[in-house]
Every structure is written in structure tokens, then in C-alpha cells.
Amino acid sequence: MRRDVSPRVIAAAIFAVAIAAIGGAWAYESLGYLPCELCYKERIPYYASFVLAPLAGLAAQTGRAGLARAAFLLLSLLFLADTALSIYHSGVEWKIFAGPSDCSGPLSSAASMDDFMKQLQTVKVVRCDTPTLWVLGLTLANWNVLISGALALLAATGARGNAALSR
């Protein structure tokens, strides 16, 4: 016999994974490793889930299935888009795709030596095409493909569960 997982449990799981992912990212930064521009963008759904996951769980608990379903659907779409962005980022790291010019393109030349020295003192560019950490053979962008894809499926499951509750 199959037992359905409650929307509250799904919301709590999404929230917990988001906290762990962002906490891990911040811990990594505290060691002196700065994220690239794509890494920052990949965090957006995790931050959104700090609000949307508790909203979905609370709405499901209080019988507001439509609101819970909408929150879960939005979470699913955000994490699905994040999966696509992480696939792109992984491709940039593997040199399959050209990355954004501000973090993987050619370095611009300065007009003069003074301009060059000023750039060296003020600009810290973190390249999107050069991973700084590998965990079990995968980069953080590779891991985010798996994690955000799983969260997209989990949120879609929560939305389906709430659709069944509202009938």
C-alpha cells in the first residue's frame, strides 16, 4: 500500500534543502571562495523557497489548497528554470557553451598603464568557466543540476497532492 507524503512534509523538505544549500554556499564563501555571476543567479530559487515553501505548507495545513498548489507550482517552475541555468553553467565550465562576457569572456584591455593598475586594484572577476571546487567528481554547478531538478520534481509532487485535496 502506497502512502502519500503530506504537502507539509514536502514543503518542509524543500525548505530544509534550501537552507542547507544556501548555508553550504555561505560556508564556502567564508573560506574565501567567491561565487561567479551564474552562481549568484542559481541561488534565487533557494531564496524564494524561504518564503514559498513555508507558505505552501501553511496553506496546505489550513485547507487553502489553491494557494498551496500555486506556491508549489511557482517553486517547481523556479527550480526547473534553475536546473536549466545550471545545465548551461555546467556547459560553460566544460567549454561547451560560451559563458557571459562578464565572467568568462576575454579580459578587456586597459587604455593606459594607469587604467590597468586601477582595474587591478578595484576589480575582482570570478570566472564562470573555471570551477573552484569539485565534490565527488562534480562541480557545484553540476550538483545544482541534480539538486534543483529534484526540488522541481518534489514541488510538482506537492502541487499534484494539493490538486487532489481540492477536489
C-alpha atoms as a PDB file:
ATOM      1  CA  MET A   1       0.000   0.000   0.000  1.00  0.00           C
ATOM      2  CA  ARG A   2       1.335   3.423  -1.001  1.00  0.00           C
ATOM      3  CA  ARG A   3       1.130   6.240   1.488  1.00  0.00           C
ATOM      4  CA  ASP A   4       1.124   9.765   0.081  1.00  0.00           C
ATOM      5  CA  VAL A   5       3.504  12.261   1.611  1.00  0.00           C
ATOM      6  CA  SER A   6       1.717  15.272   3.019  1.00  0.00           C
ATOM      7  CA  PRO A   7       2.222  18.678   1.411  1.00  0.00           C
ATOM      8  CA  ARG A   8       3.546  19.946   4.760  1.00  0.00           C
ATOM      9  CA  VAL A   9       6.326  17.345   4.687  1.00  0.00           C
ATOM     10  CA  ILE A  10       7.138  18.229   1.073  1.00  0.00           C
ATOM     11  CA  ALA A  11       7.248  21.934   1.928  1.00  0.00           C
ATOM     12  CA  ALA A  12       9.463  21.248   4.942  1.00  0.00           C
ATOM     13  CA  ALA A  13      11.826  19.122   2.831  1.00  0.00           C
ATOM     14  CA  ILE A  14      12.132  21.856   0.192  1.00  0.00           C
ATOM     15  CA  PHE A  15      12.759  24.436   2.907  1.00  0.00           C
ATOM     16  CA  ALA A  16      15.386  22.246   4.616  1.00  0.00           C
ATOM     17  CA  VAL A  17      17.265  21.562   1.371  1.00  0.00           C
ATOM     18  CA  ALA A  18      17.194  25.277   0.520  1.00  0.00           C
ATOM     19  CA  ILE A  19      18.604  26.178   3.937  1.00  0.00           C
ATOM     20  CA  ALA A  20      21.325  23.541   3.573  1.00  0.00           C
ATOM     21  CA  ALA A  21      22.232  24.658   0.044  1.00  0.00           C
ATOM     22  CA  ILE A  22      22.480  28.342   0.903  1.00  0.00           C
ATOM     23  CA  GLY A  23      24.238  27.554   4.186  1.00  0.00           C
ATOM     24  CA  GLY A  24      26.772  25.467   2.273  1.00  0.00           C
ATOM     25  CA  ALA A  25      27.268  28.248  -0.249  1.00  0.00           C
ATOM     26  CA  TRP A  26      27.835  30.795   2.511  1.00  0.00           C
ATOM     27  CA  ALA A  27      30.241  28.454   4.311  1.00  0.00           C
ATOM     28  CA  TYR A  28      32.165  28.007   1.075  1.00  0.00           C
ATOM     29  CA  GLU A  29      32.320  31.797   0.688  1.00  0.00           C
ATOM     30  CA  SER A  30      33.550  32.176   4.261  1.00  0.00           C
ATOM     31  CA  LEU A  31      36.602  30.129   3.246  1.00  0.00           C
ATOM     32  CA  GLY A  32      37.455  32.865   0.753  1.00  0.00           C
ATOM     33  CA  TYR A  33      35.944  31.395  -2.419  1.00  0.00           C
ATOM     34  CA  LEU A  34      33.775  33.911  -4.211  1.00  0.00           C
ATOM     35  CA  PRO A  35      30.916  32.712  -6.421  1.00  0.00           C
ATOM     36  CA  CYS A  36      30.678  33.703 -10.067  1.00  0.00           C
ATOM     37  CA  GLU A  37      27.796  35.660 -11.549  1.00  0.00           C
ATOM     38  CA  LEU A  38      25.961  32.494 -12.657  1.00  0.00           C
ATOM     39  CA  CYS A  39      26.325  31.005  -9.168  1.00  0.00           C
ATOM     40  CA  TYR A  40      24.588  34.042  -7.682  1.00  0.00           C
ATOM     41  CA  LYS A  41      21.718  33.685 -10.158  1.00  0.00           C
ATOM     42  CA  GLU A  42      21.386  29.981  -9.370  1.00  0.00           C
ATOM     43  CA  ARG A  43      20.658  30.877  -5.735  1.00  0.00           C
ATOM     44  CA  ILE A  44      17.482  32.859  -6.498  1.00  0.00           C
ATOM     45  CA  PRO A  45      15.051  29.909  -6.305  1.00  0.00           C
ATOM     46  CA  TYR A  46      16.565  28.836  -2.991  1.00  0.00           C
ATOM     47  CA  TYR A  47      15.985  32.298  -1.521  1.00  0.00           C
ATOM     48  CA  ALA A  48      12.448  32.334  -2.940  1.00  0.00           C
ATOM     49  CA  SER A  49      11.783  28.985  -1.285  1.00  0.00           C
ATOM     50  CA  PHE A  50      12.475  30.553   2.126  1.00  0.00           C
ATOM     51  CA  VAL A  51       9.093  32.243   1.666  1.00  0.00           C
ATOM     52  CA  LEU A  52       7.243  29.974  -0.758  1.00  0.00           C
ATOM     53  CA  ALA A  53       7.854  26.623   0.947  1.00  0.00           C
ATOM     54  CA  PRO A  54       6.520  27.711   4.360  1.00  0.00           C
ATOM     55  CA  LEU A  55       3.625  29.437   2.582  1.00  0.00           C
ATOM     56  CA  ALA A  56       2.788  26.220   0.713  1.00  0.00           C
ATOM     57  CA  GLY A  57       2.980  24.138   3.888  1.00  0.00           C
ATOM     58  CA  LEU A  58       0.895  26.548   5.933  1.00  0.00           C
ATOM     59  CA  ALA A  59      -1.678  26.922   3.172  1.00  0.00           C
ATOM     60  CA  ALA A  60      -1.970  23.143   2.828  1.00  0.00           C
ATOM     61  CA  GLN A  61      -2.305  22.735   6.610  1.00  0.00           C
ATOM     62  CA  THR A  62      -5.074  25.328   6.832  1.00  0.00           C
ATOM     63  CA  GLY A  63      -7.067  23.899   3.935  1.00  0.00           C
ATOM     64  CA  ARG A  64      -6.179  26.546   1.364  1.00  0.00           C
ATOM     65  CA  ALA A  65      -5.310  24.009  -1.328  1.00  0.00           C
ATOM     66  CA  GLY A  66      -5.408  26.536  -4.179  1.00  0.00           C
ATOM     67  CA  LEU A  67      -2.817  28.783  -2.523  1.00  0.00           C
ATOM     68  CA  ALA A  68      -0.658  25.787  -1.615  1.00  0.00           C
ATOM     69  CA  ARG A  69      -0.859  24.475  -5.178  1.00  0.00           C
ATOM     70  CA  ALA A  70       0.101  27.899  -6.588  1.00  0.00           C
ATOM     71  CA  ALA A  71       3.097  28.159  -4.238  1.00  0.00           C
ATOM     72  CA  PHE A  72       4.244  24.637  -5.123  1.00  0.00           C
ATOM     73  CA  LEU A  73       3.794  25.310  -8.857  1.00  0.00           C
ATOM     74  CA  LEU A  74       5.831  28.511  -8.600  1.00  0.00           C
ATOM     75  CA  LEU A  75       8.545  26.639  -6.695  1.00  0.00           C
ATOM     76  CA  SER A  76       8.542  23.915  -9.321  1.00  0.00           C
ATOM     77  CA  LEU A  77       8.888  26.429 -12.157  1.00  0.00           C
ATOM     78  CA  LEU A  78      11.659  28.323 -10.360  1.00  0.00           C
ATOM     79  CA  PHE A  79      13.650  25.154  -9.717  1.00  0.00           C
ATOM     80  CA  LEU A  80      13.031  23.910 -13.249  1.00  0.00           C
ATOM     81  CA  ALA A  81      14.458  27.183 -14.604  1.00  0.00           C
ATOM     82  CA  ASP A  82      17.349  26.834 -12.151  1.00  0.00           C
ATOM     83  CA  THR A  83      18.015  23.331 -13.476  1.00  0.00           C
ATOM     84  CA  ALA A  84      18.244  24.744 -16.997  1.00  0.00           C
ATOM     85  CA  LEU A  85      20.556  27.549 -15.818  1.00  0.00           C
ATOM     86  CA  SER A  86      22.749  25.024 -14.017  1.00  0.00           C
ATOM     87  CA  ILE A  87      22.946  22.861 -17.152  1.00  0.00           C
ATOM     88  CA  TYR A  88      24.073  25.956 -19.049  1.00  0.00           C
ATOM     89  CA  HIS A  89      26.603  26.798 -16.305  1.00  0.00           C
ATOM     90  CA  SER A  90      27.947  23.242 -16.403  1.00  0.00           C
ATOM     91  CA  GLY A  91      28.313  23.559 -20.164  1.00  0.00           C
ATOM     92  CA  VAL A  92      30.224  26.808 -19.709  1.00  0.00           C
ATOM     93  CA  GLU A  93      32.554  25.056 -17.269  1.00  0.00           C
ATOM     94  CA  TRP A  94      33.101  22.223 -19.761  1.00  0.00           C
ATOM     95  CA  LYS A  95      33.687  24.806 -22.538  1.00  0.00           C
ATOM     96  CA  ILE A  96      30.650  23.533 -24.482  1.00  0.00           C
ATOM     97  CA  PHE A  97      28.860  26.897 -24.329  1.00  0.00           C
ATOM     98  CA  ALA A  98      30.206  30.422 -24.360  1.00  0.00           C
ATOM     99  CA  GLY A  99      29.624  31.985 -20.970  1.00  0.00           C
ATOM    100  CA  PRO A 100      28.554  35.523 -20.145  1.00  0.00           C
ATOM    101  CA  SER A 101      31.192  38.022 -21.185  1.00  0.00           C
ATOM    102  CA  ASP A 102      31.392  39.497 -17.681  1.00  0.00           C
ATOM    103  CA  CYS A 103      32.625  36.232 -16.174  1.00  0.00           C
ATOM    104  CA  SER A 104      34.029  34.049 -18.936  1.00  0.00           C
ATOM    105  CA  GLY A 105      34.838  36.175 -21.941  1.00  0.00           C
ATOM    106  CA  PRO A 106      38.192  37.647 -22.871  1.00  0.00           C
ATOM    107  CA  LEU A 107      39.673  40.116 -20.457  1.00  0.00           C
ATOM    108  CA  SER A 108      39.380  43.663 -21.731  1.00  0.00           C
ATOM    109  CA  SER A 109      42.481  45.688 -22.216  1.00  0.00           C
ATOM    110  CA  ALA A 110      43.026  48.986 -20.489  1.00  0.00           C
ATOM    111  CA  ALA A 111      43.654  52.170 -22.435  1.00  0.00           C
ATOM    112  CA  SER A 112      46.762  53.011 -20.421  1.00  0.00           C
ATOM    113  CA  MET A 113      49.009  51.576 -17.760  1.00  0.00           C
ATOM    114  CA  ASP A 114      47.325  53.791 -15.152  1.00  0.00           C
ATOM    115  CA  ASP A 115      43.916  52.414 -16.174  1.00  0.00           C
ATOM    116  CA  PHE A 116      45.288  48.891 -15.985  1.00  0.00           C
ATOM    117  CA  MET A 117      46.655  49.448 -12.482  1.00  0.00           C
ATOM    118  CA  LYS A 118      43.340  50.936 -11.366  1.00  0.00           C
ATOM    119  CA  GLN A 119      41.497  47.881 -12.746  1.00  0.00           C
ATOM    120  CA  LEU A 120      43.828  45.549 -10.890  1.00  0.00           C
ATOM    121  CA  GLN A 121      43.150  47.328  -7.615  1.00  0.00           C
ATOM    122  CA  THR A 122      39.374  47.591  -7.924  1.00  0.00           C
ATOM    123  CA  VAL A 123      38.085  44.633  -9.924  1.00  0.00           C
ATOM    124  CA  LYS A 124      37.810  41.051  -8.755  1.00  0.00           C
ATOM    125  CA  VAL A 125      36.392  38.891 -11.541  1.00  0.00           C
ATOM    126  CA  VAL A 126      35.323  35.383 -10.645  1.00  0.00           C
ATOM    127  CA  ARG A 127      35.246  33.334 -13.825  1.00  0.00           C
ATOM    128  CA  CYS A 128      32.162  31.265 -14.627  1.00  0.00           C
ATOM    129  CA  ASP A 129      34.127  28.846 -16.787  1.00  0.00           C
ATOM    130  CA  THR A 130      36.656  27.820 -14.140  1.00  0.00           C
ATOM    131  CA  PRO A 131      35.192  25.742 -11.284  1.00  0.00           C
ATOM    132  CA  THR A 132      36.918  26.188  -7.946  1.00  0.00           C
ATOM    133  CA  LEU A 133      35.553  23.111  -6.191  1.00  0.00           C
ATOM    134  CA  TRP A 134      34.892  19.518  -7.242  1.00  0.00           C
ATOM    135  CA  VAL A 135      32.937  17.199  -4.947  1.00  0.00           C
ATOM    136  CA  LEU A 136      32.840  13.507  -5.872  1.00  0.00           C
ATOM    137  CA  GLY A 137      33.841  14.371  -9.427  1.00  0.00           C
ATOM    138  CA  LEU A 138      31.187  17.063  -9.938  1.00  0.00           C
ATOM    139  CA  THR A 139      31.365  20.843  -9.767  1.00  0.00           C
ATOM    140  CA  LEU A 140      28.904  22.857  -7.712  1.00  0.00           C
ATOM    141  CA  ALA A 141      27.017  23.744 -10.905  1.00  0.00           C
ATOM    142  CA  ASN A 142      26.790  20.022 -11.727  1.00  0.00           C
ATOM    143  CA  TRP A 143      25.444  19.290  -8.260  1.00  0.00           C
ATOM    144  CA  ASN A 144      22.927  22.094  -8.615  1.00  0.00           C
ATOM    145  CA  VAL A 145      21.534  20.422 -11.744  1.00  0.00           C
ATOM    146  CA  LEU A 146      20.711  17.394  -9.610  1.00  0.00           C
ATOM    147  CA  ILE A 147      19.504  19.259  -6.536  1.00  0.00           C
ATOM    148  CA  SER A 148      17.346  21.845  -8.296  1.00  0.00           C
ATOM    149  CA  GLY A 149      15.935  19.153 -10.598  1.00  0.00           C
ATOM    150  CA  ALA A 150      14.963  17.051  -7.578  1.00  0.00           C
ATOM    151  CA  LEU A 151      13.395  20.073  -5.885  1.00  0.00           C
ATOM    152  CA  ALA A 152      11.421  20.893  -9.051  1.00  0.00           C
ATOM    153  CA  LEU A 153      10.013  17.344  -9.041  1.00  0.00           C
ATOM    154  CA  LEU A 154       9.317  17.487  -5.316  1.00  0.00           C
ATOM    155  CA  ALA A 155       7.462  20.789  -5.648  1.00  0.00           C
ATOM    156  CA  ALA A 156       5.472  19.424  -8.604  1.00  0.00           C
ATOM    157  CA  THR A 157       4.524  16.461  -6.413  1.00  0.00           C
ATOM    158  CA  GLY A 158       3.331  18.897  -3.760  1.00  0.00           C
ATOM    159  CA  ALA A 159       1.248  20.728  -6.343  1.00  0.00           C
ATOM    160  CA  ARG A 160      -0.305  17.459  -7.552  1.00  0.00           C
ATOM    161  CA  GLY A 161      -1.055  16.423  -3.988  1.00  0.00           C
ATOM    162  CA  ASN A 162      -2.849  19.707  -3.348  1.00  0.00           C
ATOM    163  CA  ALA A 163      -4.779  19.341  -6.584  1.00  0.00           C
ATOM    164  CA  ALA A 164      -6.106  16.047  -5.255  1.00  0.00           C
ATOM    165  CA  LEU A 165      -7.021  17.661  -1.917  1.00  0.00           C
ATOM    166  CA  SER A 166      -9.029  20.430  -3.555  1.00  0.00           C
ATOM    167  CA  ARG A 167     -11.323  18.036  -5.464  1.00  0.00           C
END
